């Protein structure tokens, strides 16, 4: 960054030498700010856990589900933590303190292989909510990354699914779960990873929505937010989509993030017509680094408009 700024300064310096010196001073300041951000993000930023509370309003939300509290967790990538369970334990404790009605996990529990979960096998079953934990698969959960043979990928993926079920989670693989309160109900729909290349696409929304009545309030869990524009908006009557995947590129300064170079929607709430998308920036990542895009527990409260 210093070199780029210095070169720009040299070009302007052909007109006025003092301008060249000013650009060098600016370059030095940005250099030290960048180094400071890198150091903070590497040692402290990835543990800077935040709880973000959001109210979402709907015309057609059943009255029994007014003020229904959903905690969304996403992109833990436990492989980055090795055998250090402290941060994950903190996530679980903070989540349980919120006393949610439902916990949803929107994919990428591992980074490269199922064995990463072994140090955490006694922790994840501790997550508690009145209506349990519903989870889906993210692109990393297929264990395509790393030097795995095709056979090992399949074995690792099967083990990831087995572990999540052993946690007591309801893992939805192009399936749905209907939650009933009195005479009212909502449907939580979970698809396998639905993405554009280079990420895999195993989604089957038609199968996932099987046996759901047309007028049921619908919440879709889709790991990749791209799926919202690709298959949901103006193509279905799904009311709310919850996604993760982007991590906000682990870097955000104000409202600016490199994630915006790759995604139309990369964080927070987006609305088109009566359909809403909410994107979590996630909790972990392949690298233990975050600056500005702090790890977040999302507390989403559904409200009748």
C-alpha atoms as a PDB file:
ATOM      1  CA  UNK A   1       0.000   0.000   0.000  1.00  0.00           C
ATOM      2  CA  UNK A   2       2.880   2.352   0.785  1.00  0.00           C
ATOM      3  CA  UNK A   3       4.523   1.645  -2.579  1.00  0.00           C
ATOM      4  CA  UNK A   4       1.291   2.268  -4.511  1.00  0.00           C
ATOM      5  CA  UNK A   5       0.686   5.581  -2.720  1.00  0.00           C
ATOM      6  CA  UNK A   6       4.322   6.591  -3.200  1.00  0.00           C
ATOM      7  CA  UNK A   7       4.173   5.883  -6.936  1.00  0.00           C
ATOM      8  CA  UNK A   8       0.997   7.974  -7.247  1.00  0.00           C
ATOM      9  CA  UNK A   9       2.801  10.721  -5.322  1.00  0.00           C
ATOM     10  CA  UNK A  10       5.785  10.530  -7.669  1.00  0.00           C
ATOM     11  CA  UNK A  11       3.485  11.056 -10.665  1.00  0.00           C
ATOM     12  CA  UNK A  12       1.980  14.162  -9.080  1.00  0.00           C
ATOM     13  CA  UNK A  13       5.466  15.120  -7.895  1.00  0.00           C
ATOM     14  CA  UNK A  14       6.426  15.815 -11.502  1.00  0.00           C
ATOM     15  CA  UNK A  15       4.224  18.883 -11.126  1.00  0.00           C
ATOM     16  CA  UNK A  16       5.077  19.799  -7.541  1.00  0.00           C
ATOM     17  CA  UNK A  17       7.817  18.104  -5.483  1.00  0.00           C
ATOM     18  CA  UNK A  18       6.106  18.999  -2.202  1.00  0.00           C
ATOM     19  CA  UNK A  19       3.114  16.917  -3.269  1.00  0.00           C
ATOM     20  CA  UNK A  20       5.402  13.865  -3.594  1.00  0.00           C
ATOM     21  CA  UNK A  21       6.592  14.325   0.002  1.00  0.00           C
ATOM     22  CA  UNK A  22       3.004  14.666   1.232  1.00  0.00           C
ATOM     23  CA  UNK A  23       2.039  11.395  -0.459  1.00  0.00           C
ATOM     24  CA  UNK A  24       4.958   9.659   1.235  1.00  0.00           C
ATOM     25  CA  UNK A  25       3.800  10.904   4.642  1.00  0.00           C
ATOM     26  CA  UNK A  26       0.275   9.689   3.872  1.00  0.00           C
ATOM     27  CA  UNK A  27       1.715   6.322   2.806  1.00  0.00           C
ATOM     28  CA  UNK A  28       3.618   5.951   6.082  1.00  0.00           C
ATOM     29  CA  UNK A  29       0.464   6.703   8.115  1.00  0.00           C
ATOM     30  CA  UNK A  30      -1.586   4.142   6.153  1.00  0.00           C
ATOM     31  CA  UNK A  31       1.278   1.661   6.482  1.00  0.00           C
ATOM     32  CA  UNK A  32       1.235   1.843  10.284  1.00  0.00           C
ATOM     33  CA  UNK A  33      -2.571   1.830  10.454  1.00  0.00           C
ATOM     34  CA  UNK A  34      -2.610  -1.313   8.289  1.00  0.00           C
ATOM     35  CA  UNK A  35      -0.001  -3.048  10.441  1.00  0.00           C
ATOM     36  CA  UNK A  36      -1.902  -2.096  13.606  1.00  0.00           C
ATOM     37  CA  UNK A  37      -5.158  -3.454  12.176  1.00  0.00           C
ATOM     38  CA  UNK A  38      -3.422  -6.678  11.124  1.00  0.00           C
ATOM     39  CA  UNK A  39      -1.951  -7.200  14.579  1.00  0.00           C
ATOM     40  CA  UNK A  40      -5.214  -6.431  16.391  1.00  0.00           C
ATOM     41  CA  UNK A  41      -7.263  -8.584  14.029  1.00  0.00           C
ATOM     42  CA  UNK A  42      -4.891 -11.535  14.405  1.00  0.00           C
ATOM     43  CA  UNK A  43      -4.558 -11.485  18.191  1.00  0.00           C
ATOM     44  CA  UNK A  44      -7.834  -9.982  19.410  1.00  0.00           C
ATOM     45  CA  UNK A  45     -10.306  -9.306  16.576  1.00  0.00           C
ATOM     46  CA  UNK A  46     -11.259 -12.929  15.961  1.00  0.00           C
ATOM     47  CA  UNK A  47     -12.306 -13.180  19.641  1.00  0.00           C
ATOM     48  CA  UNK A  48     -14.199  -9.859  19.647  1.00  0.00           C
ATOM     49  CA  UNK A  49     -17.570 -11.610  20.000  1.00  0.00           C
ATOM     50  CA  UNK A  50     -20.675  -9.465  19.514  1.00  0.00           C
ATOM     51  CA  UNK A  51     -24.373 -10.161  19.972  1.00  0.00           C
ATOM     52  CA  UNK A  52     -26.391  -8.412  17.296  1.00  0.00           C
ATOM     53  CA  UNK A  53     -30.129  -7.995  17.927  1.00  0.00           C
ATOM     54  CA  UNK A  54     -32.487  -7.445  14.986  1.00  0.00           C
ATOM     55  CA  UNK A  55     -36.282  -7.158  14.766  1.00  0.00           C
ATOM     56  CA  UNK A  56     -37.881  -8.351  11.526  1.00  0.00           C
ATOM     57  CA  UNK A  57     -41.470  -7.375  10.694  1.00  0.00           C
ATOM     58  CA  UNK A  58     -43.916  -9.360   8.555  1.00  0.00           C
ATOM     59  CA  UNK A  59     -47.517  -8.815   7.464  1.00  0.00           C
ATOM     60  CA  UNK A  60     -48.309 -12.516   7.436  1.00  0.00           C
ATOM     61  CA  UNK A  61     -46.489 -13.774  10.533  1.00  0.00           C
ATOM     62  CA  UNK A  62     -48.880 -15.969  12.563  1.00  0.00           C
ATOM     63  CA  UNK A  63     -49.874 -14.250  15.820  1.00  0.00           C
ATOM     64  CA  UNK A  64     -48.631 -17.135  17.959  1.00  0.00           C
ATOM     65  CA  UNK A  65     -45.130 -16.445  16.604  1.00  0.00           C
ATOM     66  CA  UNK A  66     -45.118 -12.724  17.362  1.00  0.00           C
ATOM     67  CA  UNK A  67     -41.856 -12.028  19.258  1.00  0.00           C
ATOM     68  CA  UNK A  68     -40.469 -15.456  18.320  1.00  0.00           C
ATOM     69  CA  UNK A  69     -36.732 -15.378  19.072  1.00  0.00           C
ATOM     70  CA  UNK A  70     -34.275 -17.080  16.722  1.00  0.00           C
ATOM     71  CA  UNK A  71     -30.533 -17.216  17.346  1.00  0.00           C
ATOM     72  CA  UNK A  72     -28.568 -17.662  14.145  1.00  0.00           C
ATOM     73  CA  UNK A  73     -25.054 -19.111  14.360  1.00  0.00           C
ATOM     74  CA  UNK A  74     -22.949 -19.577  11.247  1.00  0.00           C
ATOM     75  CA  UNK A  75     -19.502 -20.442   9.896  1.00  0.00           C
ATOM     76  CA  UNK A  76     -17.733 -21.603  13.040  1.00  0.00           C
ATOM     77  CA  UNK A  77     -14.987 -23.476  11.124  1.00  0.00           C
ATOM     78  CA  UNK A  78     -13.778 -25.288  14.249  1.00  0.00           C
ATOM     79  CA  UNK A  79     -10.621 -26.492  12.509  1.00  0.00           C
ATOM     80  CA  UNK A  80      -9.094 -23.048  12.925  1.00  0.00           C
ATOM     81  CA  UNK A  81      -9.317 -23.422  16.725  1.00  0.00           C
ATOM     82  CA  UNK A  82      -7.455 -26.736  16.905  1.00  0.00           C
ATOM     83  CA  UNK A  83      -8.032 -28.146  20.386  1.00  0.00           C
ATOM     84  CA  UNK A  84      -8.682 -24.740  21.971  1.00  0.00           C
ATOM     85  CA  UNK A  85     -12.334 -24.946  23.002  1.00  0.00           C
ATOM     86  CA  UNK A  86     -12.583 -21.705  25.006  1.00  0.00           C
ATOM     87  CA  UNK A  87     -14.017 -19.473  22.304  1.00  0.00           C
ATOM     88  CA  UNK A  88     -16.582 -22.040  21.156  1.00  0.00           C
ATOM     89  CA  UNK A  89     -17.606 -22.592  24.791  1.00  0.00           C
ATOM     90  CA  UNK A  90     -18.088 -18.844  25.105  1.00  0.00           C
ATOM     91  CA  UNK A  91     -20.292 -18.804  21.989  1.00  0.00           C
ATOM     92  CA  UNK A  92     -22.465 -21.571  23.443  1.00  0.00           C
ATOM     93  CA  UNK A  93     -22.752 -19.890  26.856  1.00  0.00           C
ATOM     94  CA  UNK A  94     -23.693 -16.523  25.356  1.00  0.00           C
ATOM     95  CA  UNK A  95     -26.248 -18.165  23.071  1.00  0.00           C
ATOM     96  CA  UNK A  96     -27.936 -20.020  25.924  1.00  0.00           C
ATOM     97  CA  UNK A  97     -28.124 -16.819  27.975  1.00  0.00           C
ATOM     98  CA  UNK A  98     -30.354 -15.345  25.265  1.00  0.00           C
ATOM     99  CA  UNK A  99     -32.962 -18.048  25.982  1.00  0.00           C
ATOM    100  CA  UNK A 100     -34.011 -18.381  22.312  1.00  0.00           C
ATOM    101  CA  UNK A 101     -37.085 -20.167  21.038  1.00  0.00           C
ATOM    102  CA  UNK A 102     -35.016 -21.655  18.204  1.00  0.00           C
ATOM    103  CA  UNK A 103     -31.350 -21.901  17.259  1.00  0.00           C
ATOM    104  CA  UNK A 104     -30.401 -22.236  13.596  1.00  0.00           C
ATOM    105  CA  UNK A 105     -26.921 -23.037  12.337  1.00  0.00           C
ATOM    106  CA  UNK A 106     -26.424 -22.004   8.723  1.00  0.00           C
ATOM    107  CA  UNK A 107     -23.441 -24.119   7.734  1.00  0.00           C
ATOM    108  CA  UNK A 108     -19.641 -24.567   7.785  1.00  0.00           C
ATOM    109  CA  UNK A 109     -19.145 -26.191  11.156  1.00  0.00           C
ATOM    110  CA  UNK A 110     -15.801 -27.643  10.003  1.00  0.00           C
ATOM    111  CA  UNK A 111     -13.022 -26.316   7.822  1.00  0.00           C
ATOM    112  CA  UNK A 112     -11.493 -29.341   6.083  1.00  0.00           C
ATOM    113  CA  UNK A 113     -12.360 -32.610   7.831  1.00  0.00           C
ATOM    114  CA  UNK A 114     -14.692 -34.211  10.348  1.00  0.00           C
ATOM    115  CA  UNK A 115     -11.947 -34.935  12.920  1.00  0.00           C
ATOM    116  CA  UNK A 116     -11.804 -31.215  13.678  1.00  0.00           C
ATOM    117  CA  UNK A 117     -15.026 -31.711  15.648  1.00  0.00           C
ATOM    118  CA  UNK A 118     -13.585 -34.245  18.109  1.00  0.00           C
ATOM    119  CA  UNK A 119     -12.449 -31.688  20.770  1.00  0.00           C
ATOM    120  CA  UNK A 120     -15.933 -30.103  20.623  1.00  0.00           C
ATOM    121  CA  UNK A 121     -18.137 -33.197  20.805  1.00  0.00           C
ATOM    122  CA  UNK A 122     -19.212 -32.496  24.391  1.00  0.00           C
ATOM    123  CA  UNK A 123     -19.768 -28.774  23.778  1.00  0.00           C
ATOM    124  CA  UNK A 124     -22.227 -28.525  20.891  1.00  0.00           C
ATOM    125  CA  UNK A 125     -24.902 -30.677  22.604  1.00  0.00           C
ATOM    126  CA  UNK A 126     -25.015 -27.945  25.288  1.00  0.00           C
ATOM    127  CA  UNK A 127     -26.800 -25.544  22.924  1.00  0.00           C
ATOM    128  CA  UNK A 128     -30.378 -25.273  24.177  1.00  0.00           C
ATOM    129  CA  UNK A 129     -33.544 -23.702  22.783  1.00  0.00           C
ATOM    130  CA  UNK A 130     -37.232 -24.365  23.335  1.00  0.00           C
ATOM    131  CA  UNK A 131     -37.666 -25.680  19.787  1.00  0.00           C
ATOM    132  CA  UNK A 132     -34.174 -27.136  19.521  1.00  0.00           C
ATOM    133  CA  UNK A 133     -31.366 -26.588  17.025  1.00  0.00           C
ATOM    134  CA  UNK A 134     -31.898 -26.801  13.263  1.00  0.00           C
ATOM    135  CA  UNK A 135     -28.817 -26.940  11.039  1.00  0.00           C
ATOM    136  CA  UNK A 136     -27.821 -27.096   7.377  1.00  0.00           C
ATOM    137  CA  UNK A 137     -24.702 -27.952   5.405  1.00  0.00           C
ATOM    138  CA  UNK A 138     -22.178 -25.380   4.164  1.00  0.00           C
ATOM    139  CA  UNK A 139     -19.632 -25.789   1.382  1.00  0.00           C
ATOM    140  CA  UNK A 140     -16.799 -26.654   3.808  1.00  0.00           C
ATOM    141  CA  UNK A 141     -18.871 -29.383   5.462  1.00  0.00           C
ATOM    142  CA  UNK A 142     -18.558 -31.545   2.327  1.00  0.00           C
ATOM    143  CA  UNK A 143     -14.814 -31.724   3.108  1.00  0.00           C
ATOM    144  CA  UNK A 144     -13.737 -31.002  -0.470  1.00  0.00           C
ATOM    145  CA  UNK A 145     -10.817 -28.898   0.750  1.00  0.00           C
ATOM    146  CA  UNK A 146      -7.440 -30.377   1.635  1.00  0.00           C
ATOM    147  CA  UNK A 147      -5.733 -33.422   0.146  1.00  0.00           C
ATOM    148  CA  UNK A 148      -8.637 -35.850   0.454  1.00  0.00           C
ATOM    149  CA  UNK A 149      -9.417 -38.656  -1.922  1.00  0.00           C
ATOM    150  CA  UNK A 150     -12.987 -38.909  -3.184  1.00  0.00           C
ATOM    151  CA  UNK A 151     -13.565 -41.788  -0.781  1.00  0.00           C
ATOM    152  CA  UNK A 152     -12.207 -39.790   2.169  1.00  0.00           C
ATOM    153  CA  UNK A 153     -14.406 -36.818   1.255  1.00  0.00           C
ATOM    154  CA  UNK A 154     -17.490 -39.000   1.371  1.00  0.00           C
ATOM    155  CA  UNK A 155     -16.457 -40.576   4.690  1.00  0.00           C
ATOM    156  CA  UNK A 156     -15.725 -37.172   6.225  1.00  0.00           C
ATOM    157  CA  UNK A 157     -19.031 -35.731   5.041  1.00  0.00           C
ATOM    158  CA  UNK A 158     -20.957 -38.693   6.438  1.00  0.00           C
ATOM    159  CA  UNK A 159     -19.137 -38.248   9.751  1.00  0.00           C
ATOM    160  CA  UNK A 160     -19.982 -34.528   9.872  1.00  0.00           C
ATOM    161  CA  UNK A 161     -23.661 -35.373   9.385  1.00  0.00           C
ATOM    162  CA  UNK A 162     -23.451 -38.097  12.023  1.00  0.00           C
ATOM    163  CA  UNK A 163     -21.861 -35.759  14.573  1.00  0.00           C
ATOM    164  CA  UNK A 164     -24.509 -33.062  14.069  1.00  0.00           C
ATOM    165  CA  UNK A 165     -27.256 -35.609  14.619  1.00  0.00           C
ATOM    166  CA  UNK A 166     -25.473 -36.880  17.736  1.00  0.00           C
ATOM    167  CA  UNK A 167     -25.446 -33.290  19.028  1.00  0.00           C
ATOM    168  CA  UNK A 168     -29.231 -33.527  18.981  1.00  0.00           C
ATOM    169  CA  UNK A 169     -29.473 -31.071  16.098  1.00  0.00           C
ATOM    170  CA  UNK A 170     -32.120 -31.432  13.416  1.00  0.00           C
ATOM    171  CA  UNK A 171     -29.973 -31.453  10.263  1.00  0.00           C
ATOM    172  CA  UNK A 172     -32.083 -30.575   7.224  1.00  0.00           C
ATOM    173  CA  UNK A 173     -30.806 -31.957   3.911  1.00  0.00           C
ATOM    174  CA  UNK A 174     -33.240 -30.524   1.370  1.00  0.00           C
ATOM    175  CA  UNK A 175     -35.941 -31.052   3.985  1.00  0.00           C
ATOM    176  CA  UNK A 176     -38.235 -29.011   6.209  1.00  0.00           C
ATOM    177  CA  UNK A 177     -39.537 -28.936   9.741  1.00  0.00           C
ATOM    178  CA  UNK A 178     -42.897 -27.454  10.719  1.00  0.00           C
ATOM    179  CA  UNK A 179     -43.119 -25.795  14.142  1.00  0.00           C
ATOM    180  CA  UNK A 180     -46.601 -25.510  15.607  1.00  0.00           C
ATOM    181  CA  UNK A 181     -47.900 -23.216  18.337  1.00  0.00           C
ATOM    182  CA  UNK A 182     -51.614 -23.723  18.968  1.00  0.00           C
ATOM    183  CA  UNK A 183     -53.392 -23.443  15.628  1.00  0.00           C
ATOM    184  CA  UNK A 184     -50.502 -21.524  14.029  1.00  0.00           C
ATOM    185  CA  UNK A 185     -47.359 -22.883  12.385  1.00  0.00           C
ATOM    186  CA  UNK A 186     -44.216 -21.871  10.544  1.00  0.00           C
ATOM    187  CA  UNK A 187     -42.029 -24.001   8.273  1.00  0.00           C
ATOM    188  CA  UNK A 188     -38.228 -24.011   8.488  1.00  0.00           C
ATOM    189  CA  UNK A 189     -36.752 -25.163   5.176  1.00  0.00           C
ATOM    190  CA  UNK A 190     -33.160 -26.342   4.950  1.00  0.00           C
ATOM    191  CA  UNK A 191     -31.343 -26.817   1.666  1.00  0.00           C
ATOM    192  CA  UNK A 192     -27.953 -28.336   1.020  1.00  0.00           C
ATOM    193  CA  UNK A 193     -25.361 -25.876  -0.222  1.00  0.00           C
ATOM    194  CA  UNK A 194     -26.716 -23.868  -3.146  1.00  0.00           C
ATOM    195  CA  UNK A 195     -23.998 -21.803  -4.833  1.00  0.00           C
ATOM    196  CA  UNK A 196     -22.378 -20.832  -8.081  1.00  0.00           C
ATOM    197  CA  UNK A 197     -18.974 -22.303  -9.107  1.00  0.00           C
ATOM    198  CA  UNK A 198     -16.408 -22.805  -7.702  1.00  0.00           C
ATOM    199  CA  UNK A 199     -18.661 -23.756  -4.778  1.00  0.00           C
ATOM    200  CA  UNK A 200     -20.803 -26.909  -4.996  1.00  0.00           C
ATOM    201  CA  UNK A 201     -24.557 -26.854  -5.574  1.00  0.00           C
ATOM    202  CA  UNK A 202     -26.534 -29.758  -4.115  1.00  0.00           C
ATOM    203  CA  UNK A 203     -29.690 -27.783  -3.393  1.00  0.00           C
ATOM    204  CA  UNK A 204     -33.158 -29.062  -4.236  1.00  0.00           C
ATOM    205  CA  UNK A 205     -35.670 -26.449  -3.145  1.00  0.00           C
ATOM    206  CA  UNK A 206     -38.649 -28.274  -4.626  1.00  0.00           C
ATOM    207  CA  UNK A 207     -37.853 -31.344  -2.546  1.00  0.00           C
ATOM    208  CA  UNK A 208     -37.122 -29.210   0.518  1.00  0.00           C
ATOM    209  CA  UNK A 209     -40.547 -27.532   0.345  1.00  0.00           C
ATOM    210  CA  UNK A 210     -42.477 -30.783  -0.070  1.00  0.00           C
ATOM    211  CA  UNK A 211     -45.797 -30.983   1.835  1.00  0.00           C
ATOM    212  CA  UNK A 212     -45.696 -27.329   2.961  1.00  0.00           C
ATOM    213  CA  UNK A 213     -48.978 -25.552   2.340  1.00  0.00           C
ATOM    214  CA  UNK A 214     -48.861 -22.411   0.226  1.00  0.00           C
ATOM    215  CA  UNK A 215     -50.026 -20.038   2.985  1.00  0.00           C
ATOM    216  CA  UNK A 216     -47.572 -21.270   5.639  1.00  0.00           C
ATOM    217  CA  UNK A 217     -45.009 -18.721   6.844  1.00  0.00           C
ATOM    218  CA  UNK A 218     -41.661 -19.946   5.508  1.00  0.00           C
ATOM    219  CA  UNK A 219     -38.088 -19.510   6.707  1.00  0.00           C
ATOM    220  CA  UNK A 220     -35.345 -20.799   4.402  1.00  0.00           C
ATOM    221  CA  UNK A 221     -31.872 -21.711   5.658  1.00  0.00           C
ATOM    222  CA  UNK A 222     -29.403 -21.319   2.780  1.00  0.00           C
ATOM    223  CA  UNK A 223     -25.679 -21.188   3.504  1.00  0.00           C
ATOM    224  CA  UNK A 224     -24.836 -19.026   0.488  1.00  0.00           C
ATOM    225  CA  UNK A 225     -26.813 -15.757   0.180  1.00  0.00           C
ATOM    226  CA  UNK A 226     -26.446 -15.833  -3.621  1.00  0.00           C
ATOM    227  CA  UNK A 227     -29.230 -18.425  -3.598  1.00  0.00           C
ATOM    228  CA  UNK A 228     -31.741 -15.768  -2.501  1.00  0.00           C
ATOM    229  CA  UNK A 229     -31.616 -13.868  -5.819  1.00  0.00           C
ATOM    230  CA  UNK A 230     -30.991 -17.025  -7.830  1.00  0.00           C
ATOM    231  CA  UNK A 231     -33.877 -19.202  -6.628  1.00  0.00           C
ATOM    232  CA  UNK A 232     -36.028 -17.424  -4.031  1.00  0.00           C
ATOM    233  CA  UNK A 233     -36.934 -13.826  -4.933  1.00  0.00           C
ATOM    234  CA  UNK A 234     -39.937 -13.611  -7.280  1.00  0.00           C
ATOM    235  CA  UNK A 235     -39.789 -17.405  -7.741  1.00  0.00           C
ATOM    236  CA  UNK A 236     -41.205 -18.563  -4.394  1.00  0.00           C
ATOM    237  CA  UNK A 237     -43.295 -17.202  -1.532  1.00  0.00           C
ATOM    238  CA  UNK A 238     -40.547 -17.801   1.042  1.00  0.00           C
ATOM    239  CA  UNK A 239     -40.792 -14.973   3.575  1.00  0.00           C
ATOM    240  CA  UNK A 240     -37.356 -15.015   5.211  1.00  0.00           C
ATOM    241  CA  UNK A 241     -34.002 -16.448   4.153  1.00  0.00           C
ATOM    242  CA  UNK A 242     -31.134 -16.814   6.640  1.00  0.00           C
ATOM    243  CA  UNK A 243     -27.600 -17.160   5.241  1.00  0.00           C
ATOM    244  CA  UNK A 244     -23.927 -16.916   6.140  1.00  0.00           C
ATOM    245  CA  UNK A 245     -20.877 -17.847   4.015  1.00  0.00           C
ATOM    246  CA  UNK A 246     -19.465 -14.389   3.233  1.00  0.00           C
ATOM    247  CA  UNK A 247     -17.793 -13.704   6.636  1.00  0.00           C
ATOM    248  CA  UNK A 248     -17.869 -10.080   5.400  1.00  0.00           C
ATOM    249  CA  UNK A 249     -14.410 -11.098   4.108  1.00  0.00           C
ATOM    250  CA  UNK A 250     -13.192 -10.839   7.750  1.00  0.00           C
ATOM    251  CA  UNK A 251     -12.583  -7.138   7.097  1.00  0.00           C
ATOM    252  CA  UNK A 252     -14.925  -4.176   7.294  1.00  0.00           C
ATOM    253  CA  UNK A 253     -14.229  -0.493   7.726  1.00  0.00           C
ATOM    254  CA  UNK A 254     -17.510   1.302   8.258  1.00  0.00           C
ATOM    255  CA  UNK A 255     -19.780  -0.041   5.528  1.00  0.00           C
ATOM    256  CA  UNK A 256     -16.896  -0.971   3.249  1.00  0.00           C
ATOM    257  CA  UNK A 257     -15.728  -4.584   2.878  1.00  0.00           C
ATOM    258  CA  UNK A 258     -13.960  -6.577   0.155  1.00  0.00           C
ATOM    259  CA  UNK A 259     -16.971  -8.915   0.344  1.00  0.00           C
ATOM    260  CA  UNK A 260     -18.900  -6.333  -1.687  1.00  0.00           C
ATOM    261  CA  UNK A 261     -16.634  -7.124  -4.654  1.00  0.00           C
ATOM    262  CA  UNK A 262     -18.073 -10.638  -4.850  1.00  0.00           C
ATOM    263  CA  UNK A 263     -21.598 -10.437  -3.411  1.00  0.00           C
ATOM    264  CA  UNK A 264     -24.538  -8.114  -4.007  1.00  0.00           C
ATOM    265  CA  UNK A 265     -25.669  -8.966  -0.459  1.00  0.00           C
ATOM    266  CA  UNK A 266     -22.947  -9.824   2.018  1.00  0.00           C
ATOM    267  CA  UNK A 267     -24.158  -8.729   5.469  1.00  0.00           C
ATOM    268  CA  UNK A 268     -27.285  -7.869   7.437  1.00  0.00           C
ATOM    269  CA  UNK A 269     -30.840  -7.317   6.219  1.00  0.00           C
ATOM    270  CA  UNK A 270     -31.982  -7.026   2.603  1.00  0.00           C
ATOM    271  CA  UNK A 271     -35.596  -6.651   1.472  1.00  0.00           C
ATOM    272  CA  UNK A 272     -37.201  -7.047  -1.923  1.00  0.00           C
ATOM    273  CA  UNK A 273     -40.979  -6.733  -1.960  1.00  0.00           C
ATOM    274  CA  UNK A 274     -42.232  -8.875   0.909  1.00  0.00           C
ATOM    275  CA  UNK A 275     -39.226 -11.192   0.904  1.00  0.00           C
ATOM    276  CA  UNK A 276     -36.366 -10.679   3.328  1.00  0.00           C
ATOM    277  CA  UNK A 277     -32.778 -11.947   3.495  1.00  0.00           C
ATOM    278  CA  UNK A 278     -30.612 -11.788   6.595  1.00  0.00           C
ATOM    279  CA  UNK A 279     -26.884 -12.590   6.362  1.00  0.00           C
ATOM    280  CA  UNK A 280     -24.712 -13.403   9.359  1.00  0.00           C
ATOM    281  CA  UNK A 281     -21.031 -12.472   9.179  1.00  0.00           C
ATOM    282  CA  UNK A 282     -20.316 -15.711  11.032  1.00  0.00           C
ATOM    283  CA  UNK A 283     -18.182 -16.682  13.986  1.00  0.00           C
ATOM    284  CA  UNK A 284     -14.946 -18.172  12.685  1.00  0.00           C
ATOM    285  CA  UNK A 285     -13.035 -18.787   9.510  1.00  0.00           C
ATOM    286  CA  UNK A 286     -10.106 -20.582   7.959  1.00  0.00           C
ATOM    287  CA  UNK A 287      -7.875 -17.808   9.334  1.00  0.00           C
ATOM    288  CA  UNK A 288      -8.028 -16.497  12.883  1.00  0.00           C
ATOM    289  CA  UNK A 289      -8.281 -12.893  11.784  1.00  0.00           C
ATOM    290  CA  UNK A 290     -11.111 -10.358  11.863  1.00  0.00           C
ATOM    291  CA  UNK A 291     -11.128  -6.585  11.813  1.00  0.00           C
ATOM    292  CA  UNK A 292     -14.383  -4.655  11.798  1.00  0.00           C
ATOM    293  CA  UNK A 293     -16.290  -7.759  10.697  1.00  0.00           C
ATOM    294  CA  UNK A 294     -16.306  -9.105  14.236  1.00  0.00           C
ATOM    295  CA  UNK A 295     -17.654 -12.603  15.010  1.00  0.00           C
ATOM    296  CA  UNK A 296     -21.383 -12.306  15.712  1.00  0.00           C
ATOM    297  CA  UNK A 297     -24.222 -14.170  17.372  1.00  0.00           C
ATOM    298  CA  UNK A 298     -27.412 -13.018  15.636  1.00  0.00           C
ATOM    299  CA  UNK A 299     -30.568 -12.681  17.748  1.00  0.00           C
ATOM    300  CA  UNK A 300     -33.495 -12.266  15.364  1.00  0.00           C
ATOM    301  CA  UNK A 301     -36.955 -11.495  16.717  1.00  0.00           C
ATOM    302  CA  UNK A 302     -39.915 -12.061  14.411  1.00  0.00           C
ATOM    303  CA  UNK A 303     -42.696  -9.507  14.810  1.00  0.00           C
ATOM    304  CA  UNK A 304     -46.177  -9.027  13.380  1.00  0.00           C
ATOM    305  CA  UNK A 305     -46.182  -5.839  11.316  1.00  0.00           C
END
